[in-house]
C-alpha cells in the first residue's frame, strides 16, 4: 500500500485528487476507494472515514468470530478421523491374524 500511495505523487502534483488516485489503485478495496472519493468531494471525508472504520471493524470481527467457530470443529473432525482410522486398522489386522491362525 505504501508503494501505491508513494506512486501517486506525480498525479497529485499534476492536479489529481487523492480520491481519484485511490480509485485507480487496485491495492485498495472498491468500497473504500468509492467512499473516500465521495467523502472528499462532498467535504465530509471525516464522516466517511469513520463509517469505513466502523464497517471494516465489524467485518473483521465477524470474520474472526466465524474463524474461531470453525477451527475447533475442524480440529475435532480431524481427531475423529484419526481415531476411526486407528480403530478400523486395529480390527482389520486383528481379523486378518485370526484368519491366518485358522487357515494354518
N, C-alpha and C. Protein backbone atom coordinates (compact mmCIF):
# COMPACT_ATOMS: atom_id res chain seq x y z
N UNK A 1 0.82 -1.18 0.00
CA UNK A 1 0.00 0.00 0.00
C UNK A 1 0.87 1.26 0.00
N UNK A 2 1.94 1.15 0.75
CA UNK A 2 2.83 2.32 0.82
C UNK A 2 3.37 2.65 -0.57
N UNK A 3 3.78 1.61 -1.33
CA UNK A 3 4.29 1.84 -2.69
C UNK A 3 3.23 2.47 -3.55
N UNK A 4 1.99 1.99 -3.41
CA UNK A 4 0.89 2.53 -4.22
C UNK A 4 0.67 4.01 -3.91
N UNK A 5 0.69 4.36 -2.63
CA UNK A 5 0.46 5.76 -2.25
C UNK A 5 1.63 6.63 -2.69
N UNK A 6 2.85 6.14 -2.55
CA UNK A 6 4.01 6.93 -2.98
C UNK A 6 4.01 7.13 -4.50
N UNK A 7 3.42 6.21 -5.23
CA UNK A 7 3.36 6.34 -6.69
C UNK A 7 2.38 7.43 -7.12
N UNK A 8 1.55 7.91 -6.23
CA UNK A 8 0.57 8.95 -6.56
C UNK A 8 1.20 10.33 -6.67
N UNK A 9 2.37 10.51 -6.15
CA UNK A 9 2.97 11.85 -6.07
C UNK A 9 2.90 12.63 -7.39
N UNK A 10 3.33 12.05 -8.52
CA UNK A 10 3.24 12.82 -9.78
C UNK A 10 1.80 13.18 -10.14
N UNK A 11 0.88 12.25 -9.87
CA UNK A 11 -0.53 12.53 -10.17
C UNK A 11 -1.07 13.67 -9.31
N UNK A 12 -0.75 13.63 -8.02
CA UNK A 12 -1.23 14.67 -7.10
C UNK A 12 -0.64 16.02 -7.47
N UNK A 13 0.63 16.03 -7.83
CA UNK A 13 1.28 17.29 -8.21
C UNK A 13 0.71 17.84 -9.51
N UNK A 14 0.15 16.97 -10.35
CA UNK A 14 -0.43 17.45 -11.61
C UNK A 14 -1.90 17.83 -11.46
N UNK A 15 -2.46 17.70 -10.24
CA UNK A 15 -3.82 18.18 -10.01
C UNK A 15 -4.85 17.11 -9.74
N UNK A 16 -4.48 15.87 -9.78
CA UNK A 16 -5.42 14.78 -9.47
C UNK A 16 -5.67 14.77 -7.97
N UNK A 17 -6.91 14.55 -7.57
CA UNK A 17 -7.22 14.48 -6.14
C UNK A 17 -6.81 13.11 -5.60
N UNK A 18 -6.56 13.04 -4.30
CA UNK A 18 -6.22 11.74 -3.72
C UNK A 18 -7.32 10.70 -3.92
N UNK A 19 -8.57 11.12 -3.90
CA UNK A 19 -9.68 10.20 -4.11
C UNK A 19 -9.66 9.59 -5.50
N UNK A 20 -9.34 10.40 -6.51
CA UNK A 20 -9.27 9.88 -7.87
C UNK A 20 -8.10 8.92 -8.02
N UNK A 21 -6.96 9.27 -7.43
CA UNK A 21 -5.79 8.39 -7.49
C UNK A 21 -6.08 7.09 -6.75
N UNK A 22 -6.80 7.18 -5.66
CA UNK A 22 -7.15 6.00 -4.87
C UNK A 22 -8.04 5.05 -5.67
N UNK A 23 -9.00 5.59 -6.39
CA UNK A 23 -9.90 4.76 -7.19
C UNK A 23 -9.17 4.01 -8.30
N UNK A 24 -8.09 4.55 -8.80
CA UNK A 24 -7.34 3.92 -9.88
C UNK A 24 -6.34 2.89 -9.37
N UNK A 25 -6.19 2.77 -8.07
CA UNK A 25 -5.22 1.86 -7.48
C UNK A 25 -5.91 0.57 -7.06
N UNK A 26 -5.48 -0.58 -7.62
CA UNK A 26 -6.13 -1.84 -7.26
C UNK A 26 -5.76 -2.36 -5.87
N UNK A 27 -4.82 -1.73 -5.19
CA UNK A 27 -4.39 -2.19 -3.86
C UNK A 27 -5.44 -1.92 -2.79
N UNK A 28 -6.40 -1.05 -3.07
CA UNK A 28 -7.42 -0.70 -2.09
C UNK A 28 -8.77 -1.27 -2.52
N UNK A 29 -9.60 -1.71 -1.56
CA UNK A 29 -10.93 -2.23 -1.90
C UNK A 29 -11.78 -1.16 -2.57
N UNK A 30 -12.67 -1.61 -3.44
CA UNK A 30 -13.51 -0.68 -4.19
C UNK A 30 -14.40 0.15 -3.27
N UNK A 31 -14.96 -0.49 -2.24
CA UNK A 31 -15.81 0.24 -1.30
C UNK A 31 -15.04 1.37 -0.63
N UNK A 32 -13.84 1.09 -0.19
CA UNK A 32 -13.02 2.11 0.45
C UNK A 32 -12.74 3.26 -0.50
N UNK A 33 -12.33 2.93 -1.72
CA UNK A 33 -11.99 3.97 -2.70
C UNK A 33 -13.21 4.83 -3.03
N UNK A 34 -14.35 4.21 -3.22
CA UNK A 34 -15.56 4.97 -3.57
C UNK A 34 -16.02 5.87 -2.42
N UNK A 35 -16.01 5.33 -1.20
CA UNK A 35 -16.45 6.16 -0.07
C UNK A 35 -15.46 7.27 0.22
N UNK A 36 -14.17 7.00 0.05
CA UNK A 36 -13.17 8.05 0.24
C UNK A 36 -13.38 9.17 -0.78
N UNK A 37 -13.56 8.77 -2.02
CA UNK A 37 -13.76 9.76 -3.08
C UNK A 37 -15.03 10.56 -2.86
N UNK A 38 -16.10 9.90 -2.47
CA UNK A 38 -17.37 10.58 -2.20
C UNK A 38 -17.22 11.55 -1.04
N UNK A 39 -16.58 11.10 0.03
CA UNK A 39 -16.37 11.98 1.19
C UNK A 39 -15.50 13.17 0.85
N UNK A 40 -14.51 12.96 0.01
CA UNK A 40 -13.63 14.05 -0.40
C UNK A 40 -14.40 15.08 -1.22
N UNK A 41 -15.22 14.59 -2.13
CA UNK A 41 -15.98 15.50 -3.00
C UNK A 41 -17.06 16.26 -2.23
N UNK A 42 -17.68 15.59 -1.25
CA UNK A 42 -18.78 16.23 -0.50
C UNK A 42 -18.28 17.08 0.66
N UNK A 43 -16.99 16.98 0.99
CA UNK A 43 -16.46 17.74 2.11
C UNK A 43 -16.71 17.06 3.44
N UNK A 44 -17.12 15.82 3.42
CA UNK A 44 -17.41 15.07 4.63
C UNK A 44 -16.50 13.85 4.73
N UNK A 45 -15.23 14.04 4.44
CA UNK A 45 -14.27 12.96 4.45
C UNK A 45 -14.13 12.33 5.83
N UNK A 46 -14.16 13.16 6.89
CA UNK A 46 -14.04 12.62 8.24
C UNK A 46 -15.18 11.64 8.54
N UNK A 47 -16.42 12.02 8.16
CA UNK A 47 -17.56 11.13 8.39
C UNK A 47 -17.42 9.84 7.58
N UNK A 48 -16.98 9.96 6.34
CA UNK A 48 -16.79 8.76 5.50
C UNK A 48 -15.75 7.84 6.09
N UNK A 49 -14.66 8.40 6.57
CA UNK A 49 -13.60 7.57 7.16
C UNK A 49 -14.07 6.91 8.45
N UNK A 50 -14.88 7.60 9.24
CA UNK A 50 -15.43 6.99 10.46
C UNK A 50 -16.36 5.83 10.11
N UNK A 51 -17.20 6.01 9.08
CA UNK A 51 -18.10 4.93 8.64
C UNK A 51 -17.29 3.75 8.11
N UNK A 52 -16.24 4.04 7.37
CA UNK A 52 -15.38 2.96 6.84
C UNK A 52 -14.70 2.21 7.98
N UNK A 53 -14.23 2.95 8.97
CA UNK A 53 -13.57 2.32 10.12
C UNK A 53 -14.56 1.40 10.82
N UNK A 54 -15.79 1.85 11.02
CA UNK A 54 -16.79 1.04 11.69
C UNK A 54 -17.13 -0.20 10.85
N UNK A 55 -17.29 -0.02 9.55
CA UNK A 55 -17.63 -1.13 8.65
C UNK A 55 -16.54 -2.20 8.68
N UNK A 56 -15.28 -1.79 8.51
CA UNK A 56 -14.19 -2.76 8.48
C UNK A 56 -13.95 -3.40 9.84
N UNK A 57 -14.21 -2.66 10.91
CA UNK A 57 -14.11 -3.25 12.25
C UNK A 57 -15.16 -4.35 12.42
N UNK A 58 -16.40 -4.07 12.02
CA UNK A 58 -17.47 -5.07 12.13
C UNK A 58 -17.20 -6.27 11.23
N UNK A 59 -16.73 -6.01 10.01
CA UNK A 59 -16.43 -7.10 9.09
C UNK A 59 -15.30 -7.98 9.62
N UNK A 60 -14.27 -7.36 10.16
CA UNK A 60 -13.16 -8.12 10.73
C UNK A 60 -13.60 -8.93 11.94
N UNK A 61 -14.44 -8.35 12.78
CA UNK A 61 -14.95 -9.07 13.95
C UNK A 61 -15.81 -10.26 13.52
N UNK A 62 -16.63 -10.05 12.50
CA UNK A 62 -17.48 -11.14 12.01
C UNK A 62 -16.63 -12.28 11.44
N UNK A 63 -15.60 -11.95 10.67
CA UNK A 63 -14.73 -12.98 10.10
C UNK A 63 -13.96 -13.71 11.19
N UNK A 64 -13.50 -12.98 12.19
CA UNK A 64 -12.77 -13.60 13.30
C UNK A 64 -13.68 -14.53 14.09
N UNK A 65 -14.93 -14.12 14.29
CA UNK A 65 -15.88 -14.96 15.00
C UNK A 65 -16.15 -16.24 14.21
N UNK A 66 -16.34 -16.11 12.90
CA UNK A 66 -16.57 -17.29 12.06
C UNK A 66 -15.37 -18.22 12.11
N UNK A 67 -14.18 -17.66 12.00
CA UNK A 67 -12.95 -18.45 12.06
C UNK A 67 -12.84 -19.18 13.38
N UNK A 68 -13.12 -18.47 14.48
CA UNK A 68 -12.98 -19.07 15.80
C UNK A 68 -14.05 -20.14 16.06
N UNK A 69 -15.16 -20.10 15.33
CA UNK A 69 -16.17 -21.14 15.46
C UNK A 69 -15.80 -22.38 14.66
N UNK A 70 -15.18 -22.21 13.50
CA UNK A 70 -14.89 -23.33 12.63
C UNK A 70 -13.61 -24.07 12.97
N UNK A 71 -12.61 -23.41 13.49
CA UNK A 71 -11.34 -24.07 13.78
C UNK A 71 -11.51 -25.22 14.78
N UNK A 72 -12.18 -25.03 15.90
CA UNK A 72 -12.35 -26.17 16.82
C UNK A 72 -13.13 -27.32 16.17
N UNK A 73 -14.11 -27.01 15.35
CA UNK A 73 -14.88 -28.06 14.67
C UNK A 73 -13.98 -28.85 13.72
N UNK A 74 -13.12 -28.16 13.00
CA UNK A 74 -12.21 -28.84 12.07
C UNK A 74 -11.20 -29.70 12.83
N UNK A 75 -10.70 -29.20 13.93
CA UNK A 75 -9.76 -29.98 14.75
C UNK A 75 -10.47 -31.23 15.30
N UNK A 76 -11.67 -31.06 15.81
CA UNK A 76 -12.45 -32.17 16.33
C UNK A 76 -12.70 -33.20 15.22
N UNK A 77 -13.07 -32.76 14.05
CA UNK A 77 -13.32 -33.65 12.92
C UNK A 77 -12.04 -34.41 12.54
N UNK A 78 -10.91 -33.72 12.52
CA UNK A 78 -9.63 -34.37 12.23
C UNK A 78 -9.30 -35.44 13.24
N UNK A 79 -9.54 -35.16 14.52
CA UNK A 79 -9.27 -36.14 15.58
C UNK A 79 -10.20 -37.34 15.42
N UNK A 80 -11.46 -37.10 15.09
CA UNK A 80 -12.41 -38.20 14.87
C UNK A 80 -11.96 -39.09 13.72
N UNK A 81 -11.46 -38.51 12.66
CA UNK A 81 -10.99 -39.29 11.51
C UNK A 81 -9.78 -40.14 11.91
N UNK A 82 -8.86 -39.57 12.68
CA UNK A 82 -7.69 -40.33 13.13
C UNK A 82 -8.10 -41.51 14.02
N UNK A 83 -9.03 -41.27 14.93
CA UNK A 83 -9.49 -42.35 15.81
C UNK A 83 -10.18 -43.44 15.00
N UNK A 84 -11.04 -43.05 14.07
CA UNK A 84 -11.74 -44.03 13.23
C UNK A 84 -10.74 -44.85 12.42
N UNK A 85 -9.73 -44.22 11.89
CA UNK A 85 -8.70 -44.94 11.13
C UNK A 85 -7.98 -45.94 12.02
N UNK A 86 -7.63 -45.53 13.22
CA UNK A 86 -6.93 -46.44 14.14
C UNK A 86 -7.81 -47.64 14.52
N UNK A 87 -9.09 -47.38 14.78
CA UNK A 87 -10.00 -48.47 15.15
C UNK A 87 -10.15 -49.44 14.00
N UNK A 88 -10.40 -48.94 12.80
CA UNK A 88 -10.56 -49.80 11.63
C UNK A 88 -9.27 -50.57 11.36
N UNK A 89 -8.13 -49.93 11.46
CA UNK A 89 -6.84 -50.61 11.24
C UNK A 89 -6.62 -51.72 12.27
N UNK A 90 -6.95 -51.42 13.52
CA UNK A 90 -6.77 -52.42 14.56
C UNK A 90 -7.60 -53.66 14.28
N UNK A 91 -8.91 -53.47 14.02
CA UNK A 91 -9.78 -54.62 13.79
C UNK A 91 -9.46 -55.33 12.48
N UNK A 92 -9.03 -54.60 11.50
CA UNK A 92 -8.63 -55.22 10.24
C UNK A 92 -7.44 -56.15 10.47
N UNK A 93 -6.42 -55.70 11.16
CA UNK A 93 -5.26 -56.53 11.49
C UNK A 93 -5.65 -57.69 12.40
N UNK A 94 -6.53 -57.43 13.36
CA UNK A 94 -6.97 -58.46 14.30
C UNK A 94 -7.65 -59.61 13.56
N UNK A 95 -8.60 -59.28 12.68
CA UNK A 95 -9.32 -60.33 11.95
C UNK A 95 -8.43 -61.01 10.92
N UNK A 96 -7.48 -60.30 10.34
CA UNK A 96 -6.51 -60.94 9.43
C UNK A 96 -5.66 -61.96 10.19
N UNK A 97 -5.23 -61.60 11.40
CA UNK A 97 -4.44 -62.53 12.21
C UNK A 97 -5.26 -63.76 12.61
N UNK A 98 -6.53 -63.54 12.95
CA UNK A 98 -7.40 -64.68 13.29
C UNK A 98 -7.58 -65.58 12.06
N UNK A 99 -7.81 -64.95 10.90
CA UNK A 99 -7.96 -65.71 9.66
C UNK A 99 -6.72 -66.50 9.33
N UNK A 100 -5.56 -65.91 9.52
CA UNK A 100 -4.29 -66.61 9.26
C UNK A 100 -4.11 -67.76 10.24
N UNK A 101 -4.49 -67.59 11.51
CA UNK A 101 -4.35 -68.64 12.51
C UNK A 101 -5.28 -69.80 12.22
N UNK A 102 -6.49 -69.51 11.80
CA UNK A 102 -7.48 -70.56 11.50
C UNK A 102 -7.08 -71.29 10.22
N UNK A 103 -6.60 -70.55 9.24
CA UNK A 103 -6.24 -71.12 7.95
C UNK A 103 -5.00 -71.98 8.01
N UNK A 104 -4.21 -71.89 9.01
CA UNK A 104 -2.96 -72.66 9.06
C UNK A 104 -3.18 -74.02 9.55
